[in-house]
């Protein structure tokens, strides 16, 4: 089985992200109140993928999260990167 897309919703209303795998990249399309912000990171770049998770968490939850907050997003991103 290969996961190619994960949809996540944050704590704040009207905020969601579409996490996808496109070849060698993981893409996060973050939708906040109608605007889309995209982040593209190579699937093998673990440190950059963790930073992506931090940014997605902050955008969707509306605050800078603790490590455990970020880890929830990190695990979803890892599933796509593997």
PDB file of N, CA and C in Angstrom:
ATOM      1  N   UNK A   1       0.843  -1.175   0.000  1.00  0.00           N
ATOM      2  CA  UNK A   1       0.000   0.000   0.000  1.00  0.00           C
ATOM      3  C   UNK A   1       0.885   1.233   0.000  1.00  0.00           C
ATOM      4  N   UNK A   2       0.494   2.216  -0.761  1.00  0.00           N
ATOM      5  CA  UNK A   2       1.217   3.488  -0.839  1.00  0.00           C
ATOM      6  C   UNK A   2       0.225   4.619  -0.612  1.00  0.00           C
ATOM      7  N   UNK A   3       0.469   5.422   0.407  1.00  0.00           N
ATOM      8  CA  UNK A   3      -0.374   6.581   0.689  1.00  0.00           C
ATOM      9  C   UNK A   3       0.109   7.727  -0.197  1.00  0.00           C
ATOM     10  N   UNK A   4      -0.831   8.363  -0.923  1.00  0.00           N
ATOM     11  CA  UNK A   4      -0.452   9.453  -1.827  1.00  0.00           C
ATOM     12  C   UNK A   4      -1.104  10.777  -1.467  1.00  0.00           C
ATOM     13  N   UNK A   5      -2.107  10.738  -0.555  1.00  0.00           N
ATOM     14  CA  UNK A   5      -2.765  11.986  -0.160  1.00  0.00           C
ATOM     15  C   UNK A   5      -3.367  11.830   1.229  1.00  0.00           C
ATOM     16  N   UNK A   6      -3.190  12.877   2.025  1.00  0.00           N
ATOM     17  CA  UNK A   6      -3.786  12.940   3.358  1.00  0.00           C
ATOM     18  C   UNK A   6      -4.372  14.331   3.529  1.00  0.00           C
ATOM     19  N   UNK A   7      -5.628  14.400   3.943  1.00  0.00           N
ATOM     20  CA  UNK A   7      -6.284  15.684   4.231  1.00  0.00           C
ATOM     21  C   UNK A   7      -6.318  15.858   5.743  1.00  0.00           C
ATOM     22  N   UNK A   8      -5.905  17.028   6.204  1.00  0.00           N
ATOM     23  CA  UNK A   8      -5.924  17.313   7.643  1.00  0.00           C
ATOM     24  C   UNK A   8      -6.625  18.640   7.890  1.00  0.00           C
ATOM     25  N   UNK A   9      -7.247  18.734   9.054  1.00  0.00           N
ATOM     26  CA  UNK A   9      -7.914  19.948   9.461  1.00  0.00           C
ATOM     27  C   UNK A   9      -7.357  20.342  10.813  1.00  0.00           C
ATOM     28  N   UNK A  10      -7.105  21.618  11.001  1.00  0.00           N
ATOM     29  CA  UNK A  10      -6.532  22.107  12.241  1.00  0.00           C
ATOM     30  C   UNK A  10      -7.577  22.484  13.268  1.00  0.00           C
ATOM     31  N   UNK A  11      -7.118  23.061  14.366  1.00  0.00           N
ATOM     32  CA  UNK A  11      -7.995  23.472  15.453  1.00  0.00           C
ATOM     33  C   UNK A  11      -8.823  24.701  15.096  1.00  0.00           C
ATOM     34  N   UNK A  12      -8.298  25.568  14.263  1.00  0.00           N
ATOM     35  CA  UNK A  12      -9.003  26.783  13.850  1.00  0.00           C
ATOM     36  C   UNK A  12      -9.980  26.460  12.715  1.00  0.00           C
ATOM     37  N   UNK A  13     -11.123  27.116  12.739  1.00  0.00           N
ATOM     38  CA  UNK A  13     -12.112  26.916  11.682  1.00  0.00           C
ATOM     39  C   UNK A  13     -11.575  27.443  10.352  1.00  0.00           C
ATOM     40  N   UNK A  14     -12.048  26.857   9.269  1.00  0.00           N
ATOM     41  CA  UNK A  14     -11.695  27.284   7.908  1.00  0.00           C
ATOM     42  C   UNK A  14     -10.224  27.131   7.590  1.00  0.00           C
ATOM     43  N   UNK A  15      -9.568  26.168   8.224  1.00  0.00           N
ATOM     44  CA  UNK A  15      -8.158  25.912   7.924  1.00  0.00           C
ATOM     45  C   UNK A  15      -7.974  24.422   7.698  1.00  0.00           C
ATOM     46  N   UNK A  16      -7.322  24.087   6.573  1.00  0.00           N
ATOM     47  CA  UNK A  16      -7.064  22.683   6.271  1.00  0.00           C
ATOM     48  C   UNK A  16      -5.843  22.579   5.373  1.00  0.00           C
ATOM     49  N   UNK A  17      -5.348  21.382   5.255  1.00  0.00           N
ATOM     50  CA  UNK A  17      -4.189  21.155   4.389  1.00  0.00           C
ATOM     51  C   UNK A  17      -4.375  19.857   3.625  1.00  0.00           C
ATOM     52  N   UNK A  18      -3.895  19.865   2.408  1.00  0.00           N
ATOM     53  CA  UNK A  18      -3.846  18.673   1.578  1.00  0.00           C
ATOM     54  C   UNK A  18      -2.374  18.295   1.461  1.00  0.00           C
ATOM     55  N   UNK A  19      -2.024  17.177   2.022  1.00  0.00           N
ATOM     56  CA  UNK A  19      -0.654  16.675   1.957  1.00  0.00           C
ATOM     57  C   UNK A  19      -0.612  15.620   0.870  1.00  0.00           C
ATOM     58  N   UNK A  20       0.261  15.795  -0.125  1.00  0.00           N
ATOM     59  CA  UNK A  20       0.338  14.852  -1.232  1.00  0.00           C
ATOM     60  C   UNK A  20       1.776  14.475  -1.524  1.00  0.00           C
ATOM     61  N   UNK A  21       1.931  13.374  -2.224  1.00  0.00           N
ATOM     62  CA  UNK A  21       3.244  12.929  -2.690  1.00  0.00           C
ATOM     63  C   UNK A  21       3.227  12.993  -4.199  1.00  0.00           C
ATOM     64  N   UNK A  22       4.187  13.700  -4.758  1.00  0.00           N
ATOM     65  CA  UNK A  22       4.298  13.839  -6.199  1.00  0.00           C
ATOM     66  C   UNK A  22       5.715  13.451  -6.592  1.00  0.00           C
ATOM     67  N   UNK A  23       5.906  12.216  -6.965  1.00  0.00           N
ATOM     68  CA  UNK A  23       7.243  11.749  -7.317  1.00  0.00           C
ATOM     69  C   UNK A  23       8.170  11.819  -6.128  1.00  0.00           C
ATOM     70  N   UNK A  24       9.226  12.620  -6.240  1.00  0.00           N
ATOM     71  CA  UNK A  24      10.240  12.726  -5.190  1.00  0.00           C
ATOM     72  C   UNK A  24       9.914  13.783  -4.149  1.00  0.00           C
ATOM     73  N   UNK A  25       8.756  14.426  -4.240  1.00  0.00           N
ATOM     74  CA  UNK A  25       8.425  15.528  -3.342  1.00  0.00           C
ATOM     75  C   UNK A  25       7.172  15.275  -2.516  1.00  0.00           C
ATOM     76  N   UNK A  26       7.150  15.881  -1.340  1.00  0.00           N
ATOM     77  CA  UNK A  26       5.949  15.960  -0.520  1.00  0.00           C
ATOM     78  C   UNK A  26       5.461  17.409  -0.615  1.00  0.00           C
ATOM     79  N   UNK A  27       4.175  17.569  -0.867  1.00  0.00           N
ATOM     80  CA  UNK A  27       3.603  18.895  -1.058  1.00  0.00           C
ATOM     81  C   UNK A  27       2.527  19.131   0.000  1.00  0.00           C
ATOM     82  N   UNK A  28       2.588  20.276   0.648  1.00  0.00           N
ATOM     83  CA  UNK A  28       1.554  20.687   1.589  1.00  0.00           C
ATOM     84  C   UNK A  28       0.868  21.913   1.010  1.00  0.00           C
ATOM     85  N   UNK A  29      -0.395  21.766   0.642  1.00  0.00           N
ATOM     86  CA  UNK A  29      -1.204  22.899   0.180  1.00  0.00           C
ATOM     87  C   UNK A  29      -2.081  23.307   1.358  1.00  0.00           C
ATOM     88  N   UNK A  30      -1.701  24.387   2.017  1.00  0.00           N
ATOM     89  CA  UNK A  30      -2.382  24.850   3.220  1.00  0.00           C
ATOM     90  C   UNK A  30      -3.414  25.902   2.821  1.00  0.00           C
ATOM     91  N   UNK A  31      -4.661  25.660   3.209  1.00  0.00           N
ATOM     92  CA  UNK A  31      -5.761  26.572   2.888  1.00  0.00           C
ATOM     93  C   UNK A  31      -6.213  27.261   4.168  1.00  0.00           C
ATOM     94  N   UNK A  32      -6.032  28.580   4.185  1.00  0.00           N
ATOM     95  CA  UNK A  32      -6.433  29.394   5.333  1.00  0.00           C
ATOM     96  C   UNK A  32      -7.364  30.480   4.827  1.00  0.00           C
ATOM     97  N   UNK A  33      -8.633  30.367   5.204  1.00  0.00           N
ATOM     98  CA  UNK A  33      -9.640  31.359   4.843  1.00  0.00           C
ATOM     99  C   UNK A  33      -9.617  31.697   3.354  1.00  0.00           C
ATOM    100  N   UNK A  34      -9.588  30.671   2.526  1.00  0.00           N
ATOM    101  CA  UNK A  34      -9.663  30.848   1.083  1.00  0.00           C
ATOM    102  C   UNK A  34      -8.344  31.051   0.361  1.00  0.00           C
ATOM    103  N   UNK A  35      -7.268  31.303   1.084  1.00  0.00           N
ATOM    104  CA  UNK A  35      -5.958  31.479   0.454  1.00  0.00           C
ATOM    105  C   UNK A  35      -5.169  30.178   0.564  1.00  0.00           C
ATOM    106  N   UNK A  36      -4.383  29.890  -0.484  1.00  0.00           N
ATOM    107  CA  UNK A  36      -3.596  28.657  -0.515  1.00  0.00           C
ATOM    108  C   UNK A  36      -2.116  29.001  -0.467  1.00  0.00           C
ATOM    109  N   UNK A  37      -1.413  28.350   0.443  1.00  0.00           N
ATOM    110  CA  UNK A  37       0.037  28.486   0.559  1.00  0.00           C
ATOM    111  C   UNK A  37       0.626  27.094   0.375  1.00  0.00           C
ATOM    112  N   UNK A  38       1.524  26.937  -0.592  1.00  0.00           N
ATOM    113  CA  UNK A  38       2.105  25.632  -0.873  1.00  0.00           C
ATOM    114  C   UNK A  38       3.546  25.551  -0.401  1.00  0.00           C
ATOM    115  N   UNK A  39       3.881  24.379   0.106  1.00  0.00           N
ATOM    116  CA  UNK A  39       5.250  24.074   0.530  1.00  0.00           C
ATOM    117  C   UNK A  39       5.642  22.773  -0.162  1.00  0.00           C
ATOM    118  N   UNK A  40       6.802  22.744  -0.782  1.00  0.00           N
ATOM    119  CA  UNK A  40       7.286  21.559  -1.481  1.00  0.00           C
ATOM    120  C   UNK A  40       8.647  21.188  -0.905  1.00  0.00           C
ATOM    121  N   UNK A  41       8.778  19.916  -0.494  1.00  0.00           N
ATOM    122  CA  UNK A  41      10.025  19.440   0.106  1.00  0.00           C
ATOM    123  C   UNK A  41      10.335  18.060  -0.466  1.00  0.00           C
ATOM    124  N   UNK A  42      11.588  17.814  -0.747  1.00  0.00           N
ATOM    125  CA  UNK A  42      12.020  16.497  -1.198  1.00  0.00           C
ATOM    126  C   UNK A  42      11.736  15.444  -0.144  1.00  0.00           C
ATOM    127  N   UNK A  43      11.226  14.290  -0.562  1.00  0.00           N
ATOM    128  CA  UNK A  43      10.799  13.250   0.368  1.00  0.00           C
ATOM    129  C   UNK A  43      11.935  12.723   1.242  1.00  0.00           C
ATOM    130  N   UNK A  44      13.163  12.828   0.805  1.00  0.00           N
ATOM    131  CA  UNK A  44      14.297  12.330   1.580  1.00  0.00           C
ATOM    132  C   UNK A  44      14.907  13.351   2.525  1.00  0.00           C
ATOM    133  N   UNK A  45      14.395  14.540   2.561  1.00  0.00           N
ATOM    134  CA  UNK A  45      14.969  15.625   3.369  1.00  0.00           C
ATOM    135  C   UNK A  45      14.235  15.728   4.710  1.00  0.00           C
ATOM    136  N   UNK A  46      14.595  14.832   5.635  1.00  0.00           N
ATOM    137  CA  UNK A  46      13.872  14.692   6.906  1.00  0.00           C
ATOM    138  C   UNK A  46      13.815  15.979   7.720  1.00  0.00           C
ATOM    139  N   UNK A  47      14.905  16.708   7.827  1.00  0.00           N
ATOM    140  CA  UNK A  47      14.889  17.949   8.612  1.00  0.00           C
ATOM    141  C   UNK A  47      13.936  18.975   7.993  1.00  0.00           C
ATOM    142  N   UNK A  48      13.952  19.065   6.679  1.00  0.00           N
ATOM    143  CA  UNK A  48      13.058  20.001   6.001  1.00  0.00           C
ATOM    144  C   UNK A  48      11.597  19.558   6.106  1.00  0.00           C
ATOM    145  N   UNK A  49      11.357  18.244   6.104  1.00  0.00           N
ATOM    146  CA  UNK A  49       9.998  17.741   6.278  1.00  0.00           C
ATOM    147  C   UNK A  49       9.475  18.059   7.680  1.00  0.00           C
ATOM    148  N   UNK A  50      10.355  17.993   8.684  1.00  0.00           N
ATOM    149  CA  UNK A  50       9.926  18.346  10.043  1.00  0.00           C
ATOM    150  C   UNK A  50       9.590  19.836  10.111  1.00  0.00           C
ATOM    151  N   UNK A  51      10.375  20.652   9.433  1.00  0.00           N
ATOM    152  CA  UNK A  51      10.072  22.092   9.385  1.00  0.00           C
ATOM    153  C   UNK A  51       8.731  22.327   8.685  1.00  0.00           C
ATOM    154  N   UNK A  52       8.452  21.547   7.642  1.00  0.00           N
ATOM    155  CA  UNK A  52       7.152  21.630   6.975  1.00  0.00           C
ATOM    156  C   UNK A  52       6.034  21.318   7.981  1.00  0.00           C
ATOM    157  N   UNK A  53       6.229  20.282   8.780  1.00  0.00           N
ATOM    158  CA  UNK A  53       5.232  19.907   9.792  1.00  0.00           C
ATOM    159  C   UNK A  53       5.012  21.047  10.782  1.00  0.00           C
ATOM    160  N   UNK A  54       6.089  21.730  11.186  1.00  0.00           N
ATOM    161  CA  UNK A  54       5.969  22.868  12.106  1.00  0.00           C
ATOM    162  C   UNK A  54       5.150  23.992  11.478  1.00  0.00           C
ATOM    163  N   UNK A  55       5.397  24.271  10.220  1.00  0.00           N
ATOM    164  CA  UNK A  55       4.676  25.345   9.534  1.00  0.00           C
ATOM    165  C   UNK A  55       3.200  25.000   9.338  1.00  0.00           C
ATOM    166  N   UNK A  56       2.942  23.758   8.965  1.00  0.00           N
ATOM    167  CA  UNK A  56       1.555  23.333   8.777  1.00  0.00           C
ATOM    168  C   UNK A  56       0.812  23.394  10.109  1.00  0.00           C
ATOM    169  N   UNK A  57       1.425  22.906  11.181  1.00  0.00           N
ATOM    170  CA  UNK A  57       0.794  22.941  12.499  1.00  0.00           C
ATOM    171  C   UNK A  57       0.466  24.369  12.908  1.00  0.00           C
ATOM    172  N   UNK A  58       1.412  25.262  12.734  1.00  0.00           N
ATOM    173  CA  UNK A  58       1.212  26.658  13.111  1.00  0.00           C
ATOM    174  C   UNK A  58       0.064  27.274  12.306  1.00  0.00           C
ATOM    175  N   UNK A  59       0.039  27.021  11.008  1.00  0.00           N
ATOM    176  CA  UNK A  59      -1.001  27.587  10.151  1.00  0.00           C
ATOM    177  C   UNK A  59      -2.384  27.025  10.490  1.00  0.00           C
ATOM    178  N   UNK A  60      -2.472  25.734  10.742  1.00  0.00           N
ATOM    179  CA  UNK A  60      -3.777  25.124  10.961  1.00  0.00           C
ATOM    180  C   UNK A  60      -4.299  25.285  12.379  1.00  0.00           C
ATOM    181  N   UNK A  61      -3.420  25.279  13.352  1.00  0.00           N
ATOM    182  CA  UNK A  61      -3.856  25.388  14.744  1.00  0.00           C
ATOM    183  C   UNK A  61      -3.878  26.834  15.237  1.00  0.00           C
ATOM    184  N   UNK A  62      -3.199  27.730  14.538  1.00  0.00           N
ATOM    185  CA  UNK A  62      -3.233  29.142  14.893  1.00  0.00           C
ATOM    186  C   UNK A  62      -2.293  29.541  16.014  1.00  0.00           C
ATOM    187  N   UNK A  63      -1.402  28.649  16.402  1.00  0.00           N
ATOM    188  CA  UNK A  63      -0.407  28.961  17.432  1.00  0.00           C
ATOM    189  C   UNK A  63       0.818  28.080  17.231  1.00  0.00           C
ATOM    190  N   UNK A  64       1.936  28.500  17.791  1.00  0.00           N
ATOM    191  CA  UNK A  64       3.148  27.680  17.742  1.00  0.00           C
ATOM    192  C   UNK A  64       2.960  26.541  18.728  1.00  0.00           C
ATOM    193  N   UNK A  65       2.993  25.337  18.223  1.00  0.00           N
ATOM    194  CA  UNK A  65       2.704  24.170  19.045  1.00  0.00           C
ATOM    195  C   UNK A  65       3.912  23.604  19.762  1.00  0.00           C
ATOM    196  N   UNK A  66       3.625  22.736  20.698  1.00  0.00           N
ATOM    197  CA  UNK A  66       4.673  21.983  21.385  1.00  0.00           C
ATOM    198  C   UNK A  66       5.169  20.889  20.446  1.00  0.00           C
ATOM    199  N   UNK A  67       6.211  20.194  20.863  1.00  0.00           N
ATOM    200  CA  UNK A  67       6.728  19.101  20.039  1.00  0.00           C
ATOM    201  C   UNK A  67       5.655  18.050  19.767  1.00  0.00           C
ATOM    202  N   UNK A  68       4.829  17.742  20.756  1.00  0.00           N
ATOM    203  CA  UNK A  68       3.784  16.736  20.530  1.00  0.00           C
ATOM    204  C   UNK A  68       2.726  17.229  19.549  1.00  0.00           C
ATOM    205  N   UNK A  69       2.444  18.526  19.540  1.00  0.00           N
ATOM    206  CA  UNK A  69       1.508  19.085  18.553  1.00  0.00           C
ATOM    207  C   UNK A  69       2.057  18.905  17.146  1.00  0.00           C
ATOM    208  N   UNK A  70       3.318  19.234  16.978  1.00  0.00           N
ATOM    209  CA  UNK A  70       3.966  19.141  15.665  1.00  0.00           C
ATOM    210  C   UNK A  70       4.101  17.684  15.238  1.00  0.00           C
ATOM    211  N   UNK A  71       4.355  16.799  16.207  1.00  0.00           N
ATOM    212  CA  UNK A  71       4.538  15.379  15.885  1.00  0.00           C
ATOM    213  C   UNK A  71       3.320  14.777  15.205  1.00  0.00           C
ATOM    214  N   UNK A  72       2.116  15.219  15.537  1.00  0.00           N
ATOM    215  CA  UNK A  72       0.920  14.697  14.868  1.00  0.00           C
ATOM    216  C   UNK A  72       0.980  14.971  13.369  1.00  0.00           C
ATOM    217  N   UNK A  73       1.378  16.166  13.002  1.00  0.00           N
ATOM    218  CA  UNK A  73       1.515  16.515  11.584  1.00  0.00           C
ATOM    219  C   UNK A  73       2.720  15.817  10.964  1.00  0.00           C
ATOM    220  N   UNK A  74       3.787  15.710  11.724  1.00  0.00           N
ATOM    221  CA  UNK A  74       5.021  15.054  11.265  1.00  0.00           C
ATOM    222  C   UNK A  74       4.742  13.609  10.873  1.00  0.00           C
ATOM    223  N   UNK A  75       3.962  12.905  11.677  1.00  0.00           N
ATOM    224  CA  UNK A  75       3.659  11.499  11.373  1.00  0.00           C
ATOM    225  C   UNK A  75       2.865  11.368  10.074  1.00  0.00           C
ATOM    226  N   UNK A  76       1.946  12.278   9.834  1.00  0.00           N
ATOM    227  CA  UNK A  76       1.199  12.254   8.581  1.00  0.00           C
ATOM    228  C   UNK A  76       2.126  12.502   7.389  1.00  0.00           C
ATOM    229  N   UNK A  77       3.008  13.478   7.529  1.00  0.00           N
ATOM    230  CA  UNK A  77       3.963  13.807   6.454  1.00  0.00           C
ATOM    231  C   UNK A  77       4.915  12.637   6.220  1.00  0.00           C
ATOM    232  N   UNK A  78       5.357  11.980   7.289  1.00  0.00           N
ATOM    233  CA  UNK A  78       6.256  10.821   7.155  1.00  0.00           C
ATOM    234  C   UNK A  78       5.618   9.707   6.357  1.00  0.00           C
ATOM    235  N   UNK A  79       4.324   9.493   6.557  1.00  0.00           N
ATOM    236  CA  UNK A  79       3.629   8.424   5.802  1.00  0.00           C
ATOM    237  C   UNK A  79       3.739   8.673   4.303  1.00  0.00           C
ATOM    238  N   UNK A  80       3.681   9.932   3.906  1.00  0.00           N
ATOM    239  CA  UNK A  80       3.808  10.248   2.487  1.00  0.00           C
ATOM    240  C   UNK A  80       5.250  10.120   2.007  1.00  0.00           C
ATOM    241  N   UNK A  81       6.187  10.475   2.868  1.00  0.00           N
ATOM    242  CA  UNK A  81       7.593  10.479   2.467  1.00  0.00           C
ATOM    243  C   UNK A  81       8.168   9.070   2.323  1.00  0.00           C
ATOM    244  N   UNK A  82       7.623   8.123   3.062  1.00  0.00           N
ATOM    245  CA  UNK A  82       8.161   6.743   3.027  1.00  0.00           C
ATOM    246  C   UNK A  82       7.839   6.047   1.731  1.00  0.00           C
TER     247      UNK A  82
END
